[in-house]
Amino acid sequence: MSAMTDYLQAVLAMLGPGEERYAAPAAWLSLEEELGRTFPGDYKQIVDAYAPVQINGHLTLSRPASTWWNLGEEIRSASEA
């Protein structure tokens, strides 16, 4: 039987050390309360470590604790459209 892949660790290893400059647990909690949904813990770890960033021109990671590249604003804008 093969071992399960730890995808979070695989992503972190691929991207290298994150700076975690904008990690903000309170901002996540506020956004989750506003939306009535929780985000997966591994997603929040990746965002906290690297966002804001666009990876390989295909994946954009925004964060909830900023006025620019703001995840909450992007979600609200998309849901209004």
C-alpha atoms as a PDB file:
ATOM      1  CA  MET A   1       0.000   0.000   0.000  1.00  0.00           C
ATOM      2  CA  SER A   2       1.401   3.432  -0.892  1.00  0.00           C
ATOM      3  CA  ALA A   3       1.573   6.311   1.582  1.00  0.00           C
ATOM      4  CA  MET A   4      -0.803   9.232   1.147  1.00  0.00           C
ATOM      5  CA  THR A   5       0.763  12.357  -0.324  1.00  0.00           C
ATOM      6  CA  ASP A   6       0.890  15.348   2.004  1.00  0.00           C
ATOM      7  CA  TYR A   7      -0.179  17.917  -0.570  1.00  0.00           C
ATOM      8  CA  LEU A   8       0.252  20.886   1.754  1.00  0.00           C
ATOM      9  CA  GLN A   9       3.874  19.964   2.398  1.00  0.00           C
ATOM     10  CA  ALA A  10       4.379  19.324  -1.317  1.00  0.00           C
ATOM     11  CA  VAL A  11       3.133  22.832  -2.164  1.00  0.00           C
ATOM     12  CA  LEU A  12       5.226  24.439   0.574  1.00  0.00           C
ATOM     13  CA  ALA A  13       8.310  22.520  -0.625  1.00  0.00           C
ATOM     14  CA  MET A  14       7.687  23.539  -4.236  1.00  0.00           C
ATOM     15  CA  LEU A  15       7.250  27.247  -3.418  1.00  0.00           C
ATOM     16  CA  GLY A  16      10.036  27.462  -0.865  1.00  0.00           C
ATOM     17  CA  PRO A  17       9.992  29.321   2.435  1.00  0.00           C
ATOM     18  CA  GLY A  18       7.058  31.680   2.875  1.00  0.00           C
ATOM     19  CA  GLU A  19       7.453  35.073   4.475  1.00  0.00           C
ATOM     20  CA  GLU A  20       4.170  35.046   6.406  1.00  0.00           C
ATOM     21  CA  ARG A  21       4.252  38.847   6.417  1.00  0.00           C
ATOM     22  CA  TYR A  22       0.490  39.160   6.360  1.00  0.00           C
ATOM     23  CA  ALA A  23      -0.735  36.231   8.450  1.00  0.00           C
ATOM     24  CA  ALA A  24      -3.847  37.486  10.244  1.00  0.00           C
ATOM     25  CA  PRO A  25      -6.038  34.959  12.081  1.00  0.00           C
ATOM     26  CA  ALA A  26      -8.492  37.706  13.113  1.00  0.00           C
ATOM     27  CA  ALA A  27      -9.020  38.719   9.466  1.00  0.00           C
ATOM     28  CA  TRP A  28      -9.775  35.105   8.507  1.00  0.00           C
ATOM     29  CA  LEU A  29     -12.255  34.795  11.370  1.00  0.00           C
ATOM     30  CA  SER A  30     -13.985  38.042  10.409  1.00  0.00           C
ATOM     31  CA  LEU A  31     -14.293  37.026   6.749  1.00  0.00           C
ATOM     32  CA  GLU A  32     -15.521  33.542   7.630  1.00  0.00           C
ATOM     33  CA  GLU A  33     -18.151  34.982   9.975  1.00  0.00           C
ATOM     34  CA  GLU A  34     -19.282  37.437   7.285  1.00  0.00           C
ATOM     35  CA  LEU A  35     -19.577  34.674   4.674  1.00  0.00           C
ATOM     36  CA  GLY A  36     -20.965  32.037   7.022  1.00  0.00           C
ATOM     37  CA  ARG A  37     -18.337  29.600   5.712  1.00  0.00           C
ATOM     38  CA  THR A  38     -14.914  28.464   6.809  1.00  0.00           C
ATOM     39  CA  PHE A  39     -11.910  28.163   4.540  1.00  0.00           C
ATOM     40  CA  PRO A  40      -9.807  24.983   4.591  1.00  0.00           C
ATOM     41  CA  GLY A  41      -6.897  25.218   7.006  1.00  0.00           C
ATOM     42  CA  ASP A  42      -4.304  24.245   4.402  1.00  0.00           C
ATOM     43  CA  TYR A  43      -5.558  27.003   2.062  1.00  0.00           C
ATOM     44  CA  LYS A  44      -5.231  29.558   4.864  1.00  0.00           C
ATOM     45  CA  GLN A  45      -1.691  28.323   5.601  1.00  0.00           C
ATOM     46  CA  ILE A  46      -0.642  28.774   1.974  1.00  0.00           C
ATOM     47  CA  VAL A  47      -2.254  32.225   1.724  1.00  0.00           C
ATOM     48  CA  ASP A  48      -0.729  33.339   5.028  1.00  0.00           C
ATOM     49  CA  ALA A  49       2.710  32.140   3.913  1.00  0.00           C
ATOM     50  CA  TYR A  50       2.774  33.605   0.390  1.00  0.00           C
ATOM     51  CA  ALA A  51      -0.070  35.987  -0.464  1.00  0.00           C
ATOM     52  CA  PRO A  52      -0.412  38.325  -2.143  1.00  0.00           C
ATOM     53  CA  VAL A  53       1.115  36.559  -5.114  1.00  0.00           C
ATOM     54  CA  GLN A  54       0.408  35.332  -8.603  1.00  0.00           C
ATOM     55  CA  ILE A  55       2.055  31.985  -9.277  1.00  0.00           C
ATOM     56  CA  ASN A  56       3.126  31.100 -12.813  1.00  0.00           C
ATOM     57  CA  GLY A  57       0.569  33.530 -14.235  1.00  0.00           C
ATOM     58  CA  HIS A  58      -2.261  31.136 -13.388  1.00  0.00           C
ATOM     59  CA  LEU A  59      -2.934  31.114  -9.655  1.00  0.00           C
ATOM     60  CA  THR A  60      -3.567  34.332  -7.768  1.00  0.00           C
ATOM     61  CA  LEU A  61      -3.624  34.204  -3.987  1.00  0.00           C
ATOM     62  CA  SER A  62      -5.278  37.123  -2.236  1.00  0.00           C
ATOM     63  CA  ARG A  63      -5.497  37.661   1.495  1.00  0.00           C
ATOM     64  CA  PRO A  64      -8.229  38.854   3.829  1.00  0.00           C
ATOM     65  CA  ALA A  65      -6.123  41.351   5.789  1.00  0.00           C
ATOM     66  CA  SER A  66      -5.297  44.041   3.269  1.00  0.00           C
ATOM     67  CA  THR A  67      -6.788  46.855   1.274  1.00  0.00           C
ATOM     68  CA  TRP A  68      -5.162  45.627  -1.959  1.00  0.00           C
ATOM     69  CA  TRP A  69      -5.537  42.082  -3.321  1.00  0.00           C
ATOM     70  CA  ASN A  70      -8.259  41.678  -0.697  1.00  0.00           C
ATOM     71  CA  LEU A  71      -9.890  38.251  -0.681  1.00  0.00           C
ATOM     72  CA  GLY A  72     -13.142  39.479   0.868  1.00  0.00           C
ATOM     73  CA  GLU A  73     -13.555  42.232  -1.721  1.00  0.00           C
ATOM     74  CA  GLU A  74     -12.898  39.758  -4.535  1.00  0.00           C
ATOM     75  CA  ILE A  75     -15.505  37.335  -3.179  1.00  0.00           C
ATOM     76  CA  ARG A  76     -18.105  40.089  -2.711  1.00  0.00           C
ATOM     77  CA  SER A  77     -17.446  41.482  -6.201  1.00  0.00           C
ATOM     78  CA  ALA A  78     -17.712  38.044  -7.821  1.00  0.00           C
ATOM     79  CA  SER A  79     -20.943  37.220  -6.003  1.00  0.00           C
ATOM     80  CA  GLU A  80     -22.503  40.554  -7.041  1.00  0.00           C
ATOM     81  CA  ALA A  81     -21.669  39.878 -10.691  1.00  0.00           C
END
